[in-house]
Amino acid sequence: MFPRQRLIGLLILAALVLSACQPIVALPDAPAAQADEDVTAAVDAIWKEYAAAVVAGDVDRWIAQWTDEGVQMPPNEPRVEGKENIYARVAANMAAGPTDEFVITPLETTSAGDWAYSRGTYVVTFPLGDTGEQGTIDGKFMTI
């Protein structure tokens, strides 16, 4: 009996091994990802428009860069959710005084499908009232 059990065991093992062997099926090609240079150029164009709108004091032009579900996380303040709330906050800031210069320096821009993120630094220069002096804000950002 022992040899017969051994034979049955080997047949079961062979059946398991053979059932695990399947033909190799080629997967469909993934859609061509947009070239990193194209994504970076598109995001850089957004940053240029973003900064130009702030310097121009044009809150409508600026808010056009945002989605309805946008979330702004200003430093030392609560987050601001939704395009209307972001508009109200920024309109008040822009009404408080002009911006002389806004320089955005992206350090990394990456895409994944329909999404992209960009992170970097920025410097904003503005007049300090009628003193003739300049104020500066430098910060960092992460935008998705």
C-alpha atoms as a PDB file:
ATOM      1  CA  MET A   1       0.000   0.000   0.000  1.00  0.00           C
ATOM      2  CA  PHE A   2       2.740   2.354   0.754  1.00  0.00           C
ATOM      3  CA  PRO A   3       3.949   2.631  -2.876  1.00  0.00           C
ATOM      4  CA  ARG A   4       0.373   3.216  -3.991  1.00  0.00           C
ATOM      5  CA  GLN A   5      -0.017   6.135  -1.509  1.00  0.00           C
ATOM      6  CA  ARG A   6       3.260   7.522  -2.701  1.00  0.00           C
ATOM      7  CA  LEU A   7       2.064   7.333  -6.310  1.00  0.00           C
ATOM      8  CA  ILE A   8      -1.212   9.062  -5.430  1.00  0.00           C
ATOM      9  CA  GLY A   9       0.704  11.758  -3.558  1.00  0.00           C
ATOM     10  CA  LEU A  10       2.992  12.344  -6.538  1.00  0.00           C
ATOM     11  CA  LEU A  11       0.010  12.523  -8.896  1.00  0.00           C
ATOM     12  CA  ILE A  12      -1.698  15.091  -6.648  1.00  0.00           C
ATOM     13  CA  LEU A  13       1.516  17.113  -6.460  1.00  0.00           C
ATOM     14  CA  ALA A  14       1.914  16.975 -10.245  1.00  0.00           C
ATOM     15  CA  ALA A  15      -1.717  18.088 -10.698  1.00  0.00           C
ATOM     16  CA  LEU A  16      -1.164  21.046  -8.368  1.00  0.00           C
ATOM     17  CA  VAL A  17       2.025  22.088 -10.129  1.00  0.00           C
ATOM     18  CA  LEU A  18       0.445  21.800 -13.565  1.00  0.00           C
ATOM     19  CA  SER A  19      -2.654  23.726 -12.489  1.00  0.00           C
ATOM     20  CA  ALA A  20      -0.426  26.550 -11.289  1.00  0.00           C
ATOM     21  CA  CYS A  21       1.161  26.824 -14.712  1.00  0.00           C
ATOM     22  CA  GLN A  22      -0.827  29.187 -16.876  1.00  0.00           C
ATOM     23  CA  PRO A  23       0.049  30.693 -20.193  1.00  0.00           C
ATOM     24  CA  ILE A  24       1.650  34.105 -20.071  1.00  0.00           C
ATOM     25  CA  VAL A  25      -0.837  36.692 -21.179  1.00  0.00           C
ATOM     26  CA  ALA A  26       0.431  40.071 -22.257  1.00  0.00           C
ATOM     27  CA  LEU A  27      -1.078  42.895 -20.247  1.00  0.00           C
ATOM     28  CA  PRO A  28      -2.467  45.811 -22.195  1.00  0.00           C
ATOM     29  CA  ASP A  29      -0.060  48.681 -22.501  1.00  0.00           C
ATOM     30  CA  ALA A  30      -0.535  51.351 -19.884  1.00  0.00           C
ATOM     31  CA  PRO A  31      -1.665  54.655 -21.335  1.00  0.00           C
ATOM     32  CA  ALA A  32       1.271  56.811 -22.220  1.00  0.00           C
ATOM     33  CA  ALA A  33       2.050  59.074 -19.311  1.00  0.00           C
ATOM     34  CA  GLN A  34       2.328  62.709 -20.100  1.00  0.00           C
ATOM     35  CA  ALA A  35       5.982  63.631 -20.322  1.00  0.00           C
ATOM     36  CA  ASP A  36       7.338  65.134 -17.111  1.00  0.00           C
ATOM     37  CA  GLU A  37       8.531  68.149 -19.075  1.00  0.00           C
ATOM     38  CA  ASP A  38       4.986  68.792 -20.340  1.00  0.00           C
ATOM     39  CA  VAL A  39       3.529  68.572 -16.834  1.00  0.00           C
ATOM     40  CA  THR A  40       6.239  70.812 -15.405  1.00  0.00           C
ATOM     41  CA  ALA A  41       5.705  73.384 -18.168  1.00  0.00           C
ATOM     42  CA  ALA A  42       1.929  73.375 -17.583  1.00  0.00           C
ATOM     43  CA  VAL A  43       2.314  73.764 -13.816  1.00  0.00           C
ATOM     44  CA  ASP A  44       4.943  76.501 -14.266  1.00  0.00           C
ATOM     45  CA  ALA A  45       2.465  78.387 -16.479  1.00  0.00           C
ATOM     46  CA  ILE A  46      -0.132  78.115 -13.700  1.00  0.00           C
ATOM     47  CA  TRP A  47       2.365  79.519 -11.171  1.00  0.00           C
ATOM     48  CA  LYS A  48       3.199  82.446 -13.463  1.00  0.00           C
ATOM     49  CA  GLU A  49      -0.497  83.279 -13.869  1.00  0.00           C
ATOM     50  CA  TYR A  50      -1.055  82.838 -10.129  1.00  0.00           C
ATOM     51  CA  ALA A  51       1.725  85.286  -9.224  1.00  0.00           C
ATOM     52  CA  ALA A  52       0.769  87.769 -11.964  1.00  0.00           C
ATOM     53  CA  ALA A  53      -2.835  87.846 -10.702  1.00  0.00           C
ATOM     54  CA  VAL A  54      -1.659  88.640  -7.159  1.00  0.00           C
ATOM     55  CA  VAL A  55       0.673  91.429  -8.323  1.00  0.00           C
ATOM     56  CA  ALA A  56      -2.162  92.830 -10.467  1.00  0.00           C
ATOM     57  CA  GLY A  57      -4.471  92.715  -7.438  1.00  0.00           C
ATOM     58  CA  ASP A  58      -7.001  90.765  -9.515  1.00  0.00           C
ATOM     59  CA  VAL A  59      -8.730  88.375  -7.122  1.00  0.00           C
ATOM     60  CA  ASP A  60     -11.092  87.054  -9.833  1.00  0.00           C
ATOM     61  CA  ARG A  61      -8.144  86.118 -12.032  1.00  0.00           C
ATOM     62  CA  TRP A  62      -6.397  84.578  -9.034  1.00  0.00           C
ATOM     63  CA  ILE A  63      -9.361  82.495  -7.845  1.00  0.00           C
ATOM     64  CA  ALA A  64      -9.771  81.069 -11.363  1.00  0.00           C
ATOM     65  CA  GLN A  65      -6.738  78.886 -10.539  1.00  0.00           C
ATOM     66  CA  TRP A  66      -8.686  77.106  -7.776  1.00  0.00           C
ATOM     67  CA  THR A  67     -11.157  74.217  -7.848  1.00  0.00           C
ATOM     68  CA  ASP A  68     -14.488  74.461  -6.039  1.00  0.00           C
ATOM     69  CA  GLU A  69     -13.245  71.981  -3.413  1.00  0.00           C
ATOM     70  CA  GLY A  70      -9.940  73.787  -2.833  1.00  0.00           C
ATOM     71  CA  VAL A  71      -8.440  73.987   0.636  1.00  0.00           C
ATOM     72  CA  GLN A  72      -6.040  76.768   1.582  1.00  0.00           C
ATOM     73  CA  MET A  73      -3.861  76.289   4.647  1.00  0.00           C
ATOM     74  CA  PRO A  74      -2.406  79.694   5.517  1.00  0.00           C
ATOM     75  CA  PRO A  75       0.314  79.785   8.187  1.00  0.00           C
ATOM     76  CA  ASN A  76      -0.839  80.452  11.753  1.00  0.00           C
ATOM     77  CA  GLU A  77      -4.508  80.517  10.684  1.00  0.00           C
ATOM     78  CA  PRO A  78      -7.286  77.953  10.385  1.00  0.00           C
ATOM     79  CA  ARG A  79      -7.656  76.181   7.054  1.00  0.00           C
ATOM     80  CA  VAL A  80     -10.018  77.769   4.546  1.00  0.00           C
ATOM     81  CA  GLU A  81     -12.240  75.328   2.658  1.00  0.00           C
ATOM     82  CA  GLY A  82     -14.111  75.947  -0.579  1.00  0.00           C
ATOM     83  CA  LYS A  83     -13.573  78.394  -3.405  1.00  0.00           C
ATOM     84  CA  GLU A  84     -16.047  80.979  -2.035  1.00  0.00           C
ATOM     85  CA  ASN A  85     -14.365  81.095   1.385  1.00  0.00           C
ATOM     86  CA  ILE A  86     -10.906  81.241  -0.157  1.00  0.00           C
ATOM     87  CA  TYR A  87     -12.086  84.089  -2.407  1.00  0.00           C
ATOM     88  CA  ALA A  88     -13.429  86.070   0.576  1.00  0.00           C
ATOM     89  CA  ARG A  89     -10.188  85.684   2.545  1.00  0.00           C
ATOM     90  CA  VAL A  90      -7.901  86.587  -0.346  1.00  0.00           C
ATOM     91  CA  ALA A  91     -10.098  89.472  -1.540  1.00  0.00           C
ATOM     92  CA  ALA A  92      -9.744  91.031   1.925  1.00  0.00           C
ATOM     93  CA  ASN A  93      -5.962  90.528   1.852  1.00  0.00           C
ATOM     94  CA  MET A  94      -5.620  92.021  -1.640  1.00  0.00           C
ATOM     95  CA  ALA A  95      -7.802  94.986  -0.660  1.00  0.00           C
ATOM     96  CA  ALA A  96      -5.465  95.701   2.271  1.00  0.00           C
ATOM     97  CA  GLY A  97      -2.636  96.738  -0.043  1.00  0.00           C
ATOM     98  CA  PRO A  98      -0.680  96.012  -3.188  1.00  0.00           C
ATOM     99  CA  THR A  99       1.903  93.334  -3.817  1.00  0.00           C
ATOM    100  CA  ASP A 100       5.042  94.530  -5.589  1.00  0.00           C
ATOM    101  CA  GLU A 101       6.511  91.148  -6.435  1.00  0.00           C
ATOM    102  CA  PHE A 102       5.564  87.497  -6.057  1.00  0.00           C
ATOM    103  CA  VAL A 103       8.238  84.944  -6.993  1.00  0.00           C
ATOM    104  CA  ILE A 104       7.262  81.275  -6.951  1.00  0.00           C
ATOM    105  CA  THR A 105      10.065  78.719  -7.195  1.00  0.00           C
ATOM    106  CA  PRO A 106       8.859  75.159  -7.742  1.00  0.00           C
ATOM    107  CA  LEU A 107      11.353  72.614  -6.432  1.00  0.00           C
ATOM    108  CA  GLU A 108       9.474  69.487  -7.505  1.00  0.00           C
ATOM    109  CA  THR A 109       6.553  68.863  -9.813  1.00  0.00           C
ATOM    110  CA  THR A 110       5.268  65.335 -10.320  1.00  0.00           C
ATOM    111  CA  SER A 111       2.214  63.852 -11.999  1.00  0.00           C
ATOM    112  CA  ALA A 112       0.255  60.648 -11.548  1.00  0.00           C
ATOM    113  CA  GLY A 113      -2.568  60.174 -14.009  1.00  0.00           C
ATOM    114  CA  ASP A 114      -4.911  63.150 -13.863  1.00  0.00           C
ATOM    115  CA  TRP A 115      -3.260  64.496 -10.711  1.00  0.00           C
ATOM    116  CA  ALA A 116      -0.115  66.507 -10.216  1.00  0.00           C
ATOM    117  CA  TYR A 117       1.552  68.065  -7.245  1.00  0.00           C
ATOM    118  CA  SER A 118       4.052  70.823  -6.941  1.00  0.00           C
ATOM    119  CA  ARG A 119       6.090  71.905  -3.958  1.00  0.00           C
ATOM    120  CA  GLY A 120       8.488  74.758  -3.575  1.00  0.00           C
ATOM    121  CA  THR A 121       9.101  78.167  -2.085  1.00  0.00           C
ATOM    122  CA  TYR A 122       7.801  81.672  -2.643  1.00  0.00           C
ATOM    123  CA  VAL A 123       8.765  85.245  -1.801  1.00  0.00           C
ATOM    124  CA  VAL A 124       6.229  88.073  -1.686  1.00  0.00           C
ATOM    125  CA  THR A 125       7.371  91.698  -1.516  1.00  0.00           C
ATOM    126  CA  PHE A 126       4.971  94.508  -0.613  1.00  0.00           C
ATOM    127  CA  PRO A 127       5.129  98.144   0.544  1.00  0.00           C
ATOM    128  CA  LEU A 128       4.894  98.810   4.270  1.00  0.00           C
ATOM    129  CA  GLY A 129       2.262 101.540   4.194  1.00  0.00           C
ATOM    130  CA  ASP A 130       3.638 104.962   3.293  1.00  0.00           C
ATOM    131  CA  THR A 131       7.046 104.359   4.874  1.00  0.00           C
ATOM    132  CA  GLY A 132       8.800 103.641   1.589  1.00  0.00           C
ATOM    133  CA  GLU A 133      10.086 100.393   3.078  1.00  0.00           C
ATOM    134  CA  GLN A 134       9.401  96.897   1.792  1.00  0.00           C
ATOM    135  CA  GLY A 135       7.986  93.963   3.688  1.00  0.00           C
ATOM    136  CA  THR A 136       8.776  90.410   2.679  1.00  0.00           C
ATOM    137  CA  ILE A 137       7.087  87.093   3.245  1.00  0.00           C
ATOM    138  CA  ASP A 138       8.943  83.947   2.314  1.00  0.00           C
ATOM    139  CA  GLY A 139       7.306  80.620   2.626  1.00  0.00           C
ATOM    140  CA  LYS A 140       6.898  77.170   1.241  1.00  0.00           C
ATOM    141  CA  PHE A 141       4.011  75.442  -0.479  1.00  0.00           C
ATOM    142  CA  MET A 142       2.637  72.067  -1.456  1.00  0.00           C
ATOM    143  CA  THR A 143      -0.149  72.093  -4.021  1.00  0.00           C
ATOM    144  CA  ILE A 144      -2.065  69.148  -5.431  1.00  0.00           C
END
